Amino acid sequence: MEQRYRVLRIVATLIKVLAWIVLVLGLLGAILLVIGAVAGGLGGLGARAYRDLAMNTTIGAVVGAIIMGLGSVLYFLFIYAAGELIHLLLDIEQNTRETAYYLKTR
């Protein structure tokens, strides 16, 4: 039997690709946030007050990176699930149509 709703299948696939892009860019951003904070914190080892500020900034960046990474994973899951849901509904429609066709031919 022919597949129907080709555009909807393409949209579902594009949504899943978008989910992977969100995940990769989010995790890459989190890693770059930590690298930038550590590199900036190590650059100024002069005054004691500045070292304390740099340490607080580094710790804040690590916490922010963890939150950013977890947020990226959650966004990935929700966006990917939306693409899978569209595929699921299309599969249900196709299976229902095929079942109805085979029941008619009996």
PDB file of N, CA and C in Angstrom:
ATOM      1  N   MET A   1       0.840  -1.179   0.000  1.00  0.00           N
ATOM      2  CA  MET A   1       0.000   0.000   0.000  1.00  0.00           C
ATOM      3  C   MET A   1       0.888   1.247   0.000  1.00  0.00           C
ATOM      4  N   GLU A   2       0.346   2.309  -0.545  1.00  0.00           N
ATOM      5  CA  GLU A   2       1.090   3.558  -0.614  1.00  0.00           C
ATOM      6  C   GLU A   2       1.120   4.249   0.753  1.00  0.00           C
ATOM      7  N   GLN A   3       2.179   4.987   0.958  1.00  0.00           N
ATOM      8  CA  GLN A   3       2.277   5.765   2.192  1.00  0.00           C
ATOM      9  C   GLN A   3       1.618   7.118   1.967  1.00  0.00           C
ATOM     10  N   ARG A   4       0.814   7.518   2.917  1.00  0.00           N
ATOM     11  CA  ARG A   4       0.153   8.809   2.838  1.00  0.00           C
ATOM     12  C   ARG A   4       0.857   9.785   3.772  1.00  0.00           C
ATOM     13  N   TYR A   5       0.513  11.037   3.619  1.00  0.00           N
ATOM     14  CA  TYR A   5       1.030  12.105   4.490  1.00  0.00           C
ATOM     15  C   TYR A   5       2.556  12.186   4.444  1.00  0.00           C
ATOM     16  N   ARG A   6       3.098  12.269   3.235  1.00  0.00           N
ATOM     17  CA  ARG A   6       4.561  12.325   3.084  1.00  0.00           C
ATOM     18  C   ARG A   6       5.155  13.563   3.749  1.00  0.00           C
ATOM     19  N   VAL A   7       4.476  14.691   3.609  1.00  0.00           N
ATOM     20  CA  VAL A   7       5.003  15.930   4.189  1.00  0.00           C
ATOM     21  C   VAL A   7       5.045  15.830   5.717  1.00  0.00           C
ATOM     22  N   LEU A   8       4.046  15.208   6.297  1.00  0.00           N
ATOM     23  CA  LEU A   8       4.023  15.051   7.748  1.00  0.00           C
ATOM     24  C   LEU A   8       5.166  14.146   8.215  1.00  0.00           C
ATOM     25  N   ARG A   9       5.493  13.143   7.412  1.00  0.00           N
ATOM     26  CA  ARG A   9       6.643  12.288   7.745  1.00  0.00           C
ATOM     27  C   ARG A   9       7.945  13.084   7.680  1.00  0.00           C
ATOM     28  N   ILE A  10       8.058  13.953   6.685  1.00  0.00           N
ATOM     29  CA  ILE A  10       9.258  14.788   6.567  1.00  0.00           C
ATOM     30  C   ILE A  10       9.350  15.742   7.756  1.00  0.00           C
ATOM     31  N   VAL A  11       8.227  16.336   8.135  1.00  0.00           N
ATOM     32  CA  VAL A  11       8.214  17.256   9.272  1.00  0.00           C
ATOM     33  C   VAL A  11       8.620  16.532  10.552  1.00  0.00           C
ATOM     34  N   ALA A  12       8.122  15.320  10.749  1.00  0.00           N
ATOM     35  CA  ALA A  12       8.481  14.550  11.945  1.00  0.00           C
ATOM     36  C   ALA A  12       9.979  14.248  11.965  1.00  0.00           C
ATOM     37  N   THR A  13      10.530  13.920  10.808  1.00  0.00           N
ATOM     38  CA  THR A  13      11.965  13.655  10.731  1.00  0.00           C
ATOM     39  C   THR A  13      12.764  14.924  11.000  1.00  0.00           C
ATOM     40  N   LEU A  14      12.313  16.056  10.460  1.00  0.00           N
ATOM     41  CA  LEU A  14      12.997  17.322  10.711  1.00  0.00           C
ATOM     42  C   LEU A  14      12.949  17.708  12.193  1.00  0.00           C
ATOM     43  N   ILE A  15      11.836  17.413  12.846  1.00  0.00           N
ATOM     44  CA  ILE A  15      11.726  17.681  14.282  1.00  0.00           C
ATOM     45  C   ILE A  15      12.748  16.849  15.054  1.00  0.00           C
ATOM     46  N   LYS A  16      12.914  15.591  14.654  1.00  0.00           N
ATOM     47  CA  LYS A  16      13.889  14.744  15.336  1.00  0.00           C
ATOM     48  C   LYS A  16      15.316  15.217  15.079  1.00  0.00           C
ATOM     49  N   VAL A  17      15.598  15.694  13.873  1.00  0.00           N
ATOM     50  CA  VAL A  17      16.921  16.253  13.578  1.00  0.00           C
ATOM     51  C   VAL A  17      17.144  17.515  14.413  1.00  0.00           C
ATOM     52  N   LEU A  18      16.117  18.352  14.523  1.00  0.00           N
ATOM     53  CA  LEU A  18      16.208  19.559  15.343  1.00  0.00           C
ATOM     54  C   LEU A  18      16.496  19.207  16.807  1.00  0.00           C
ATOM     55  N   ALA A  19      15.906  18.132  17.278  1.00  0.00           N
ATOM     56  CA  ALA A  19      16.158  17.703  18.658  1.00  0.00           C
ATOM     57  C   ALA A  19      17.633  17.362  18.854  1.00  0.00           C
ATOM     58  N   TRP A  20      18.230  16.665  17.902  1.00  0.00           N
ATOM     59  CA  TRP A  20      19.650  16.329  18.013  1.00  0.00           C
ATOM     60  C   TRP A  20      20.514  17.585  17.960  1.00  0.00           C
ATOM     61  N   ILE A  21      20.134  18.541  17.117  1.00  0.00           N
ATOM     62  CA  ILE A  21      20.892  19.789  17.033  1.00  0.00           C
ATOM     63  C   ILE A  21      20.835  20.533  18.368  1.00  0.00           C
ATOM     64  N   VAL A  22      19.647  20.576  18.980  1.00  0.00           N
ATOM     65  CA  VAL A  22      19.492  21.234  20.286  1.00  0.00           C
ATOM     66  C   VAL A  22      20.369  20.553  21.332  1.00  0.00           C
ATOM     67  N   LEU A  23      20.387  19.231  21.318  1.00  0.00           N
ATOM     68  CA  LEU A  23      21.197  18.505  22.298  1.00  0.00           C
ATOM     69  C   LEU A  23      22.686  18.787  22.114  1.00  0.00           C
ATOM     70  N   VAL A  24      23.163  18.687  20.890  1.00  0.00           N
ATOM     71  CA  VAL A  24      24.597  18.884  20.633  1.00  0.00           C
ATOM     72  C   VAL A  24      25.011  20.318  20.962  1.00  0.00           C
ATOM     73  N   LEU A  25      24.239  21.300  20.500  1.00  0.00           N
ATOM     74  CA  LEU A  25      24.599  22.689  20.759  1.00  0.00           C
ATOM     75  C   LEU A  25      24.491  23.040  22.247  1.00  0.00           C
ATOM     76  N   GLY A  26      23.503  22.486  22.926  1.00  0.00           N
ATOM     77  CA  GLY A  26      23.365  22.745  24.356  1.00  0.00           C
ATOM     78  C   GLY A  26      24.519  22.179  25.161  1.00  0.00           C
ATOM     79  N   LEU A  27      24.897  20.943  24.871  1.00  0.00           N
ATOM     80  CA  LEU A  27      26.018  20.336  25.591  1.00  0.00           C
ATOM     81  C   LEU A  27      27.332  21.010  25.223  1.00  0.00           C
ATOM     82  N   LEU A  28      27.495  21.384  23.957  1.00  0.00           N
ATOM     83  CA  LEU A  28      28.692  22.102  23.542  1.00  0.00           C
ATOM     84  C   LEU A  28      28.774  23.465  24.229  1.00  0.00           C
ATOM     85  N   GLY A  29      27.649  24.147  24.342  1.00  0.00           N
ATOM     86  CA  GLY A  29      27.617  25.426  25.046  1.00  0.00           C
ATOM     87  C   GLY A  29      27.964  25.276  26.510  1.00  0.00           C
ATOM     88  N   ALA A  30      27.489  24.209  27.138  1.00  0.00           N
ATOM     89  CA  ALA A  30      27.809  23.972  28.548  1.00  0.00           C
ATOM     90  C   ALA A  30      29.304  23.716  28.731  1.00  0.00           C
ATOM     91  N   ILE A  31      29.876  22.943  27.839  1.00  0.00           N
ATOM     92  CA  ILE A  31      31.316  22.665  27.920  1.00  0.00           C
ATOM     93  C   ILE A  31      32.115  23.950  27.701  1.00  0.00           C
ATOM     94  N   LEU A  32      31.718  24.747  26.714  1.00  0.00           N
ATOM     95  CA  LEU A  32      32.428  25.997  26.448  1.00  0.00           C
ATOM     96  C   LEU A  32      32.273  26.989  27.598  1.00  0.00           C
ATOM     97  N   LEU A  33      31.143  26.946  28.284  1.00  0.00           N
ATOM     98  CA  LEU A  33      30.948  27.816  29.446  1.00  0.00           C
ATOM     99  C   LEU A  33      31.955  27.488  30.544  1.00  0.00           C
ATOM    100  N   VAL A  34      32.151  26.220  30.801  1.00  0.00           N
ATOM    101  CA  VAL A  34      33.117  25.807  31.829  1.00  0.00           C
ATOM    102  C   VAL A  34      34.541  26.151  31.388  1.00  0.00           C
ATOM    103  N   ILE A  35      34.861  25.867  30.125  1.00  0.00           N
ATOM    104  CA  ILE A  35      36.209  26.167  29.637  1.00  0.00           C
ATOM    105  C   ILE A  35      36.486  27.665  29.719  1.00  0.00           C
ATOM    106  N   GLY A  36      35.514  28.474  29.321  1.00  0.00           N
ATOM    107  CA  GLY A  36      35.698  29.925  29.390  1.00  0.00           C
ATOM    108  C   GLY A  36      35.856  30.429  30.807  1.00  0.00           C
ATOM    109  N   ALA A  37      35.095  29.877  31.729  1.00  0.00           N
ATOM    110  CA  ALA A  37      35.192  30.315  33.125  1.00  0.00           C
ATOM    111  C   ALA A  37      36.517  29.903  33.737  1.00  0.00           C
ATOM    112  N   VAL A  38      36.950  28.682  33.455  1.00  0.00           N
ATOM    113  CA  VAL A  38      38.227  28.219  34.008  1.00  0.00           C
ATOM    114  C   VAL A  38      39.381  29.009  33.395  1.00  0.00           C
ATOM    115  N   ALA A  39      39.347  29.254  32.099  1.00  0.00           N
ATOM    116  CA  ALA A  39      40.421  30.021  31.449  1.00  0.00           C
ATOM    117  C   ALA A  39      40.432  31.456  31.961  1.00  0.00           C
ATOM    118  N   GLY A  40      39.282  32.051  32.159  1.00  0.00           N
ATOM    119  CA  GLY A  40      39.224  33.409  32.697  1.00  0.00           C
ATOM    120  C   GLY A  40      39.634  33.467  34.152  1.00  0.00           C
ATOM    121  N   GLY A  41      39.308  32.435  34.915  1.00  0.00           N
ATOM    122  CA  GLY A  41      39.663  32.400  36.327  1.00  0.00           C
ATOM    123  C   GLY A  41      41.146  32.170  36.552  1.00  0.00           C
ATOM    124  N   LEU A  42      41.788  31.439  35.654  1.00  0.00           N
ATOM    125  CA  LEU A  42      43.222  31.176  35.806  1.00  0.00           C
ATOM    126  C   LEU A  42      44.075  32.334  35.315  1.00  0.00           C
ATOM    127  N   GLY A  43      43.488  33.207  34.496  1.00  0.00           N
ATOM    128  CA  GLY A  43      44.268  34.297  33.923  1.00  0.00           C
ATOM    129  C   GLY A  43      44.680  35.348  34.943  1.00  0.00           C
ATOM    130  N   GLY A  44      43.868  35.602  35.945  1.00  0.00           N
ATOM    131  CA  GLY A  44      44.186  36.675  36.898  1.00  0.00           C
ATOM    132  C   GLY A  44      44.502  36.125  38.266  1.00  0.00           C
ATOM    133  N   LEU A  45      45.747  35.809  38.504  1.00  0.00           N
ATOM    134  CA  LEU A  45      46.145  35.272  39.808  1.00  0.00           C
ATOM    135  C   LEU A  45      46.831  36.337  40.660  1.00  0.00           C
ATOM    136  N   GLY A  46      46.526  37.626  40.420  1.00  0.00           N
ATOM    137  CA  GLY A  46      47.201  38.708  41.132  1.00  0.00           C
ATOM    138  C   GLY A  46      46.678  38.904  42.539  1.00  0.00           C
ATOM    139  N   ALA A  47      45.655  39.693  42.686  1.00  0.00           N
ATOM    140  CA  ALA A  47      45.147  40.073  44.009  1.00  0.00           C
ATOM    141  C   ALA A  47      44.285  38.967  44.601  1.00  0.00           C
ATOM    142  N   ARG A  48      44.270  38.923  45.930  1.00  0.00           N
ATOM    143  CA  ARG A  48      43.481  37.896  46.633  1.00  0.00           C
ATOM    144  C   ARG A  48      41.997  38.067  46.371  1.00  0.00           C
ATOM    145  N   ALA A  49      41.511  39.289  46.383  1.00  0.00           N
ATOM    146  CA  ALA A  49      40.086  39.528  46.159  1.00  0.00           C
ATOM    147  C   ALA A  49      39.681  39.066  44.766  1.00  0.00           C
ATOM    148  N   TYR A  50      40.539  39.294  43.802  1.00  0.00           N
ATOM    149  CA  TYR A  50      40.227  38.879  42.436  1.00  0.00           C
ATOM    150  C   TYR A  50      40.238  37.366  42.315  1.00  0.00           C
ATOM    151  N   ARG A  51      41.145  36.697  43.038  1.00  0.00           N
ATOM    152  CA  ARG A  51      41.163  35.225  43.011  1.00  0.00           C
ATOM    153  C   ARG A  51      39.878  34.674  43.582  1.00  0.00           C
ATOM    154  N   ASP A  52      39.391  35.261  44.680  1.00  0.00           N
ATOM    155  CA  ASP A  52      38.132  34.802  45.268  1.00  0.00           C
ATOM    156  C   ASP A  52      36.969  35.023  44.304  1.00  0.00           C
ATOM    157  N   LEU A  53      36.960  36.163  43.639  1.00  0.00           N
ATOM    158  CA  LEU A  53      35.915  36.446  42.660  1.00  0.00           C
ATOM    159  C   LEU A  53      35.997  35.471  41.493  1.00  0.00           C
ATOM    160  N   ALA A  54      37.215  35.168  41.048  1.00  0.00           N
ATOM    161  CA  ALA A  54      37.391  34.231  39.944  1.00  0.00           C
ATOM    162  C   ALA A  54      36.929  32.835  40.344  1.00  0.00           C
ATOM    163  N   MET A  55      37.196  32.438  41.591  1.00  0.00           N
ATOM    164  CA  MET A  55      36.760  31.124  42.054  1.00  0.00           C
ATOM    165  C   MET A  55      35.243  31.053  42.106  1.00  0.00           C
ATOM    166  N   ASN A  56      34.609  32.120  42.613  1.00  0.00           N
ATOM    167  CA  ASN A  56      33.145  32.143  42.653  1.00  0.00           C
ATOM    168  C   ASN A  56      32.563  32.113  41.248  1.00  0.00           C
ATOM    169  N   THR A  57      33.195  32.828  40.329  1.00  0.00           N
ATOM    170  CA  THR A  57      32.731  32.827  38.947  1.00  0.00           C
ATOM    171  C   THR A  57      32.878  31.447  38.333  1.00  0.00           C
ATOM    172  N   THR A  58      33.966  30.774  38.611  1.00  0.00           N
ATOM    173  CA  THR A  58      34.186  29.427  38.070  1.00  0.00           C
ATOM    174  C   THR A  58      33.166  28.451  38.627  1.00  0.00           C
ATOM    175  N   ILE A  59      32.931  28.514  39.928  1.00  0.00           N
ATOM    176  CA  ILE A  59      31.934  27.624  40.536  1.00  0.00           C
ATOM    177  C   ILE A  59      30.548  27.921  39.966  1.00  0.00           C
ATOM    178  N   GLY A  60      30.226  29.197  39.809  1.00  0.00           N
ATOM    179  CA  GLY A  60      28.938  29.569  39.221  1.00  0.00           C
ATOM    180  C   GLY A  60      28.810  29.087  37.794  1.00  0.00           C
ATOM    181  N   ALA A  61      29.913  29.155  37.044  1.00  0.00           N
ATOM    182  CA  ALA A  61      29.882  28.691  35.660  1.00  0.00           C
ATOM    183  C   ALA A  61      29.699  27.175  35.592  1.00  0.00           C
ATOM    184  N   VAL A  62      30.325  26.447  36.494  1.00  0.00           N
ATOM    185  CA  VAL A  62      30.159  24.986  36.516  1.00  0.00           C
ATOM    186  C   VAL A  62      28.720  24.625  36.857  1.00  0.00           C
ATOM    187  N   VAL A  63      28.151  25.307  37.855  1.00  0.00           N
ATOM    188  CA  VAL A  63      26.746  25.054  38.215  1.00  0.00           C
ATOM    189  C   VAL A  63      25.837  25.421  37.045  1.00  0.00           C
ATOM    190  N   GLY A  64      26.114  26.560  36.415  1.00  0.00           N
ATOM    191  CA  GLY A  64      25.330  26.970  35.253  1.00  0.00           C
ATOM    192  C   GLY A  64      25.456  25.991  34.104  1.00  0.00           C
ATOM    193  N   ALA A  65      26.650  25.441  33.906  1.00  0.00           N
ATOM    194  CA  ALA A  65      26.862  24.470  32.839  1.00  0.00           C
ATOM    195  C   ALA A  65      26.103  23.181  33.110  1.00  0.00           C
ATOM    196  N   ILE A  66      26.064  22.767  34.372  1.00  0.00           N
ATOM    197  CA  ILE A  66      25.299  21.558  34.717  1.00  0.00           C
ATOM    198  C   ILE A  66      23.820  21.779  34.444  1.00  0.00           C
ATOM    199  N   ILE A  67      23.312  22.929  34.851  1.00  0.00           N
ATOM    200  CA  ILE A  67      21.903  23.246  34.612  1.00  0.00           C
ATOM    201  C   ILE A  67      21.633  23.344  33.110  1.00  0.00           C
ATOM    202  N   MET A  68      22.558  23.970  32.382  1.00  0.00           N
ATOM    203  CA  MET A  68      22.416  24.097  30.934  1.00  0.00           C
ATOM    204  C   MET A  68      22.423  22.725  30.260  1.00  0.00           C
ATOM    205  N   GLY A  69      23.297  21.840  30.709  1.00  0.00           N
ATOM    206  CA  GLY A  69      23.353  20.487  30.152  1.00  0.00           C
ATOM    207  C   GLY A  69      22.081  19.701  30.421  1.00  0.00           C
ATOM    208  N   LEU A  70      21.586  19.782  31.655  1.00  0.00           N
ATOM    209  CA  LEU A  70      20.338  19.077  31.991  1.00  0.00           C
ATOM    210  C   LEU A  70      19.159  19.653  31.221  1.00  0.00           C
ATOM    211  N   GLY A  71      19.127  20.985  31.078  1.00  0.00           N
ATOM    212  CA  GLY A  71      18.067  21.608  30.294  1.00  0.00           C
ATOM    213  C   GLY A  71      18.115  21.178  28.844  1.00  0.00           C
ATOM    214  N   SER A  72      19.312  21.069  28.295  1.00  0.00           N
ATOM    215  CA  SER A  72      19.459  20.622  26.908  1.00  0.00           C
ATOM    216  C   SER A  72      18.959  19.191  26.737  1.00  0.00           C
ATOM    217  N   VAL A  73      19.278  18.345  27.699  1.00  0.00           N
ATOM    218  CA  VAL A  73      18.808  16.951  27.627  1.00  0.00           C
ATOM    219  C   VAL A  73      17.283  16.900  27.709  1.00  0.00           C
ATOM    220  N   LEU A  74      16.697  17.697  28.606  1.00  0.00           N
ATOM    221  CA  LEU A  74      15.231  17.709  28.714  1.00  0.00           C
ATOM    222  C   LEU A  74      14.571  18.241  27.443  1.00  0.00           C
ATOM    223  N   TYR A  75      15.112  19.342  26.894  1.00  0.00           N
ATOM    224  CA  TYR A  75      14.576  19.855  25.634  1.00  0.00           C
ATOM    225  C   TYR A  75      14.687  18.809  24.537  1.00  0.00           C
ATOM    226  N   PHE A  76      15.834  18.126  24.486  1.00  0.00           N
ATOM    227  CA  PHE A  76      16.019  17.070  23.495  1.00  0.00           C
ATOM    228  C   PHE A  76      14.932  16.007  23.621  1.00  0.00           C
ATOM    229  N   LEU A  77      14.695  15.559  24.848  1.00  0.00           N
ATOM    230  CA  LEU A  77      13.698  14.503  25.051  1.00  0.00           C
ATOM    231  C   LEU A  77      12.306  14.938  24.605  1.00  0.00           C
ATOM    232  N   PHE A  78      11.913  16.155  24.960  1.00  0.00           N
ATOM    233  CA  PHE A  78      10.576  16.632  24.600  1.00  0.00           C
ATOM    234  C   PHE A  78      10.432  16.841  23.095  1.00  0.00           C
ATOM    235  N   ILE A  79      11.446  17.421  22.468  1.00  0.00           N
ATOM    236  CA  ILE A  79      11.362  17.657  21.026  1.00  0.00           C
ATOM    237  C   ILE A  79      11.398  16.333  20.270  1.00  0.00           C
ATOM    238  N   TYR A  80      12.282  15.424  20.672  1.00  0.00           N
ATOM    239  CA  TYR A  80      12.376  14.124  20.016  1.00  0.00           C
ATOM    240  C   TYR A  80      11.079  13.335  20.201  1.00  0.00           C
ATOM    241  N   ALA A  81      10.499  13.420  21.394  1.00  0.00           N
ATOM    242  CA  ALA A  81       9.233  12.725  21.647  1.00  0.00           C
ATOM    243  C   ALA A  81       8.120  13.261  20.753  1.00  0.00           C
ATOM    244  N   ALA A  82       8.133  14.567  20.455  1.00  0.00           N
ATOM    245  CA  ALA A  82       7.129  15.136  19.554  1.00  0.00           C
ATOM    246  C   ALA A  82       7.264  14.530  18.157  1.00  0.00           C
ATOM    247  N   GLY A  83       8.496  14.398  17.675  1.00  0.00           N
ATOM    248  CA  GLY A  83       8.715  13.760  16.373  1.00  0.00           C
ATOM    249  C   GLY A  83       8.290  12.304  16.371  1.00  0.00           C
ATOM    250  N   GLU A  84       8.606  11.594  17.434  1.00  0.00           N
ATOM    251  CA  GLU A  84       8.191  10.197  17.545  1.00  0.00           C
ATOM    252  C   GLU A  84       6.675  10.055  17.629  1.00  0.00           C
ATOM    253  N   LEU A  85       6.021  11.002  18.300  1.00  0.00           N
ATOM    254  CA  LEU A  85       4.570  10.962  18.407  1.00  0.00           C
ATOM    255  C   LEU A  85       3.918  11.095  17.029  1.00  0.00           C
ATOM    256  N   ILE A  86       4.454  11.983  16.211  1.00  0.00           N
ATOM    257  CA  ILE A  86       3.918  12.130  14.858  1.00  0.00           C
ATOM    258  C   ILE A  86       4.103  10.828  14.078  1.00  0.00           C
ATOM    259  N   HIS A  87       5.288  10.224  14.184  1.00  0.00           N
ATOM    260  CA  HIS A  87       5.512   8.938  13.513  1.00  0.00           C
ATOM    261  C   HIS A  87       4.568   7.862  14.046  1.00  0.00           C
ATOM    262  N   LEU A  88       4.339   7.846  15.340  1.00  0.00           N
ATOM    263  CA  LEU A  88       3.423   6.876  15.936  1.00  0.00           C
ATOM    264  C   LEU A  88       2.021   7.031  15.381  1.00  0.00           C
ATOM    265  N   LEU A  89       1.538   8.264  15.327  1.00  0.00           N
ATOM    266  CA  LEU A  89       0.194   8.496  14.812  1.00  0.00           C
ATOM    267  C   LEU A  89       0.086   8.116  13.342  1.00  0.00           C
ATOM    268  N   LEU A  90       1.118   8.375  12.576  1.00  0.00           N
ATOM    269  CA  LEU A  90       1.111   7.979  11.169  1.00  0.00           C
ATOM    270  C   LEU A  90       1.125   6.457  11.019  1.00  0.00           C
ATOM    271  N   ASP A  91       1.880   5.776  11.871  1.00  0.00           N
ATOM    272  CA  ASP A  91       1.899   4.311  11.832  1.00  0.00           C
ATOM    273  C   ASP A  91       0.547   3.727  12.224  1.00  0.00           C
ATOM    274  N   ILE A  92      -0.093   4.319  13.219  1.00  0.00           N
ATOM    275  CA  ILE A  92      -1.430   3.848  13.619  1.00  0.00           C
ATOM    276  C   ILE A  92      -2.403   4.021  12.461  1.00  0.00           C
ATOM    277  N   GLU A  93      -2.325   5.160  11.787  1.00  0.00           N
ATOM    278  CA  GLU A  93      -3.224   5.402  10.648  1.00  0.00           C
ATOM    279  C   GLU A  93      -2.971   4.384   9.554  1.00  0.00           C
ATOM    280  N   GLN A  94      -1.723   4.111   9.242  1.00  0.00           N
ATOM    281  CA  GLN A  94      -1.404   3.162   8.173  1.00  0.00           C
ATOM    282  C   GLN A  94      -1.853   1.752   8.545  1.00  0.00           C
ATOM    283  N   ASN A  95      -1.608   1.333   9.784  1.00  0.00           N
ATOM    284  CA  ASN A  95      -2.030   0.001  10.214  1.00  0.00           C
ATOM    285  C   ASN A  95      -3.548  -0.134  10.198  1.00  0.00           C
ATOM    286  N   THR A  96      -4.255   0.900  10.607  1.00  0.00           N
ATOM    287  CA  THR A  96      -5.717   0.870  10.593  1.00  0.00           C
ATOM    288  C   THR A  96      -6.238   0.771   9.161  1.00  0.00           C
ATOM    289  N   ARG A  97      -5.646   1.539   8.255  1.00  0.00           N
ATOM    290  CA  ARG A  97      -6.062   1.500   6.854  1.00  0.00           C
ATOM    291  C   ARG A  97      -5.795   0.129   6.246  1.00  0.00           C
ATOM    292  N   GLU A  98      -4.632  -0.465   6.520  1.00  0.00           N
ATOM    293  CA  GLU A  98      -4.313  -1.792   5.988  1.00  0.00           C
ATOM    294  C   GLU A  98      -5.242  -2.853   6.556  1.00  0.00           C
ATOM    295  N   THR A  99      -5.548  -2.764   7.837  1.00  0.00           N
ATOM    296  CA  THR A  99      -6.461  -3.722   8.448  1.00  0.00           C
ATOM    297  C   THR A  99      -7.851  -3.614   7.834  1.00  0.00           C
ATOM    298  N   ALA A 100      -8.326  -2.416   7.637  1.00  0.00           N
ATOM    299  CA  ALA A 100      -9.631  -2.232   7.012  1.00  0.00           C
ATOM    300  C   ALA A 100      -9.644  -2.773   5.577  1.00  0.00           C
ATOM    301  N   TYR A 101      -8.556  -2.591   4.851  1.00  0.00           N
ATOM    302  CA  TYR A 101      -8.463  -3.080   3.481  1.00  0.00           C
ATOM    303  C   TYR A 101      -8.519  -4.611   3.461  1.00  0.00           C
ATOM    304  N   TYR A 102      -7.736  -5.251   4.354  1.00  0.00           N
ATOM    305  CA  TYR A 102      -7.724  -6.720   4.382  1.00  0.00           C
ATOM    306  C   TYR A 102      -9.045  -7.283   4.868  1.00  0.00           C
ATOM    307  N   LEU A 103      -9.740  -6.610   5.737  1.00  0.00           N
ATOM    308  CA  LEU A 103     -11.048  -7.090   6.193  1.00  0.00           C
ATOM    309  C   LEU A 103     -12.107  -6.961   5.101  1.00  0.00           C
ATOM    310  N   LYS A 104     -11.972  -5.946   4.256  1.00  0.00           N
ATOM    311  CA  LYS A 104     -12.915  -5.777   3.146  1.00  0.00           C
ATOM    312  C   LYS A 104     -12.737  -6.844   2.084  1.00  0.00           C
ATOM    313  N   THR A 105     -11.524  -7.291   1.861  1.00  0.00           N
ATOM    314  CA  THR A 105     -11.258  -8.250   0.807  1.00  0.00           C
ATOM    315  C   THR A 105     -11.650  -9.670   1.191  1.00  0.00           C
ATOM    316  N   ARG A 106     -11.934  -9.911   2.412  1.00  0.00           N
ATOM    317  CA  ARG A 106     -12.319 -11.272   2.851  1.00  0.00           C
ATOM    318  C   ARG A 106     -13.695 -11.602   2.450  1.00  0.00           C
TER     319      ARG A 106
END
